[in-house]
């Protein structure tokens, strides 16, 4: 399985990511192993979607980072 996820950072910003091992990836964010989020802990997982296909998970992550994906995220996911 592959996952696209959204976490909320301490400053209320949202971080969108992708992983094949969601549990360990979130753990990495929590302990500060991810350079993009280590200064914004604590974090909170607010959404994830599971995909059987890696390409679909990556494309969904890319979509969520676009202006229309941003609107979709705010209206439908969180």
C-alpha atoms as a PDB file:
ATOM      1  CA  UNK A   1       0.000   0.000   0.000  1.00  0.00           C
ATOM      2  CA  UNK A   2       0.977   3.605  -0.621  1.00  0.00           C
ATOM      3  CA  UNK A   3      -0.305   6.578   1.300  1.00  0.00           C
ATOM      4  CA  UNK A   4      -0.850  10.268   0.723  1.00  0.00           C
ATOM      5  CA  UNK A   5      -1.199  12.120   3.992  1.00  0.00           C
ATOM      6  CA  UNK A   6      -1.792  15.566   5.465  1.00  0.00           C
ATOM      7  CA  UNK A   7      -0.398  16.620   8.806  1.00  0.00           C
ATOM      8  CA  UNK A   8      -1.054  19.814  10.689  1.00  0.00           C
ATOM      9  CA  UNK A   9       1.992  21.542  12.096  1.00  0.00           C
ATOM     10  CA  UNK A  10       2.307  23.526  15.324  1.00  0.00           C
ATOM     11  CA  UNK A  11       1.815  26.793  13.393  1.00  0.00           C
ATOM     12  CA  UNK A  12      -1.438  25.394  11.865  1.00  0.00           C
ATOM     13  CA  UNK A  13       0.170  25.028   8.415  1.00  0.00           C
ATOM     14  CA  UNK A  14      -0.527  21.811   6.526  1.00  0.00           C
ATOM     15  CA  UNK A  15       2.162  19.472   5.189  1.00  0.00           C
ATOM     16  CA  UNK A  16       1.280  17.022   2.416  1.00  0.00           C
ATOM     17  CA  UNK A  17       3.372  13.916   1.934  1.00  0.00           C
ATOM     18  CA  UNK A  18       3.591  10.442   0.494  1.00  0.00           C
ATOM     19  CA  UNK A  19       4.875   7.174   1.957  1.00  0.00           C
ATOM     20  CA  UNK A  20       4.768   3.435   1.522  1.00  0.00           C
ATOM     21  CA  UNK A  21       4.953   3.039   5.320  1.00  0.00           C
ATOM     22  CA  UNK A  22       2.635   5.584   6.886  1.00  0.00           C
ATOM     23  CA  UNK A  23       3.145   4.511  10.486  1.00  0.00           C
ATOM     24  CA  UNK A  24       6.920   4.935  10.356  1.00  0.00           C
ATOM     25  CA  UNK A  25       6.729   8.134   8.321  1.00  0.00           C
ATOM     26  CA  UNK A  26       4.464   9.792  10.895  1.00  0.00           C
ATOM     27  CA  UNK A  27       6.818   8.551  13.618  1.00  0.00           C
ATOM     28  CA  UNK A  28       9.697  10.236  11.723  1.00  0.00           C
ATOM     29  CA  UNK A  29       7.755  13.509  11.698  1.00  0.00           C
ATOM     30  CA  UNK A  30       7.001  13.205  15.417  1.00  0.00           C
ATOM     31  CA  UNK A  31      10.608  12.578  16.486  1.00  0.00           C
ATOM     32  CA  UNK A  32      11.981  15.299  14.199  1.00  0.00           C
ATOM     33  CA  UNK A  33      13.744  13.185  11.569  1.00  0.00           C
ATOM     34  CA  UNK A  34      12.065  15.070   8.704  1.00  0.00           C
ATOM     35  CA  UNK A  35      13.903  18.329   8.061  1.00  0.00           C
ATOM     36  CA  UNK A  36      10.866  20.119   6.593  1.00  0.00           C
ATOM     37  CA  UNK A  37       8.764  19.633   9.722  1.00  0.00           C
ATOM     38  CA  UNK A  38      11.203  19.207  12.616  1.00  0.00           C
ATOM     39  CA  UNK A  39      10.968  22.861  13.695  1.00  0.00           C
ATOM     40  CA  UNK A  40       7.153  22.808  13.654  1.00  0.00           C
ATOM     41  CA  UNK A  41       6.426  20.003  16.080  1.00  0.00           C
ATOM     42  CA  UNK A  42       4.166  18.795  17.535  1.00  0.00           C
ATOM     43  CA  UNK A  43       2.379  17.523  14.451  1.00  0.00           C
ATOM     44  CA  UNK A  44      -1.039  15.920  14.070  1.00  0.00           C
ATOM     45  CA  UNK A  45      -2.151  13.530  11.328  1.00  0.00           C
ATOM     46  CA  UNK A  46      -5.421  14.929   9.993  1.00  0.00           C
ATOM     47  CA  UNK A  47      -5.973  12.900   6.803  1.00  0.00           C
ATOM     48  CA  UNK A  48      -4.612   9.975   4.854  1.00  0.00           C
ATOM     49  CA  UNK A  49      -5.670   8.020   1.793  1.00  0.00           C
ATOM     50  CA  UNK A  50      -4.447   4.531   0.878  1.00  0.00           C
ATOM     51  CA  UNK A  51      -3.680   3.465  -2.680  1.00  0.00           C
ATOM     52  CA  UNK A  52      -2.647   0.116  -4.138  1.00  0.00           C
ATOM     53  CA  UNK A  53      -0.815   1.909  -6.932  1.00  0.00           C
ATOM     54  CA  UNK A  54       2.263   4.048  -6.186  1.00  0.00           C
ATOM     55  CA  UNK A  55       1.691   6.340  -9.167  1.00  0.00           C
ATOM     56  CA  UNK A  56      -1.858   7.176  -8.061  1.00  0.00           C
ATOM     57  CA  UNK A  57      -0.683   8.049  -4.562  1.00  0.00           C
ATOM     58  CA  UNK A  58       2.033  10.311  -5.954  1.00  0.00           C
ATOM     59  CA  UNK A  59      -0.373  11.982  -8.364  1.00  0.00           C
ATOM     60  CA  UNK A  60      -2.864  12.613  -5.556  1.00  0.00           C
ATOM     61  CA  UNK A  61      -0.089  14.172  -3.473  1.00  0.00           C
ATOM     62  CA  UNK A  62       0.875  16.419  -6.404  1.00  0.00           C
ATOM     63  CA  UNK A  63      -2.781  17.357  -6.955  1.00  0.00           C
ATOM     64  CA  UNK A  64      -3.249  18.354  -3.313  1.00  0.00           C
ATOM     65  CA  UNK A  65      -0.330  20.770  -3.707  1.00  0.00           C
ATOM     66  CA  UNK A  66      -2.014  22.630  -6.602  1.00  0.00           C
ATOM     67  CA  UNK A  67      -4.454  25.546  -6.144  1.00  0.00           C
ATOM     68  CA  UNK A  68      -7.458  23.378  -7.058  1.00  0.00           C
ATOM     69  CA  UNK A  69      -6.175  20.603  -4.780  1.00  0.00           C
ATOM     70  CA  UNK A  70      -5.789  23.149  -1.987  1.00  0.00           C
ATOM     71  CA  UNK A  71      -9.449  24.118  -2.390  1.00  0.00           C
ATOM     72  CA  UNK A  72     -10.522  20.452  -2.540  1.00  0.00           C
ATOM     73  CA  UNK A  73      -8.494  19.698   0.586  1.00  0.00           C
ATOM     74  CA  UNK A  74     -10.070  22.510   2.565  1.00  0.00           C
ATOM     75  CA  UNK A  75     -13.605  21.798   1.362  1.00  0.00           C
ATOM     76  CA  UNK A  76     -13.711  17.988   1.384  1.00  0.00           C
ATOM     77  CA  UNK A  77     -10.880  16.514   3.431  1.00  0.00           C
ATOM     78  CA  UNK A  78     -10.268  18.630   6.522  1.00  0.00           C
END
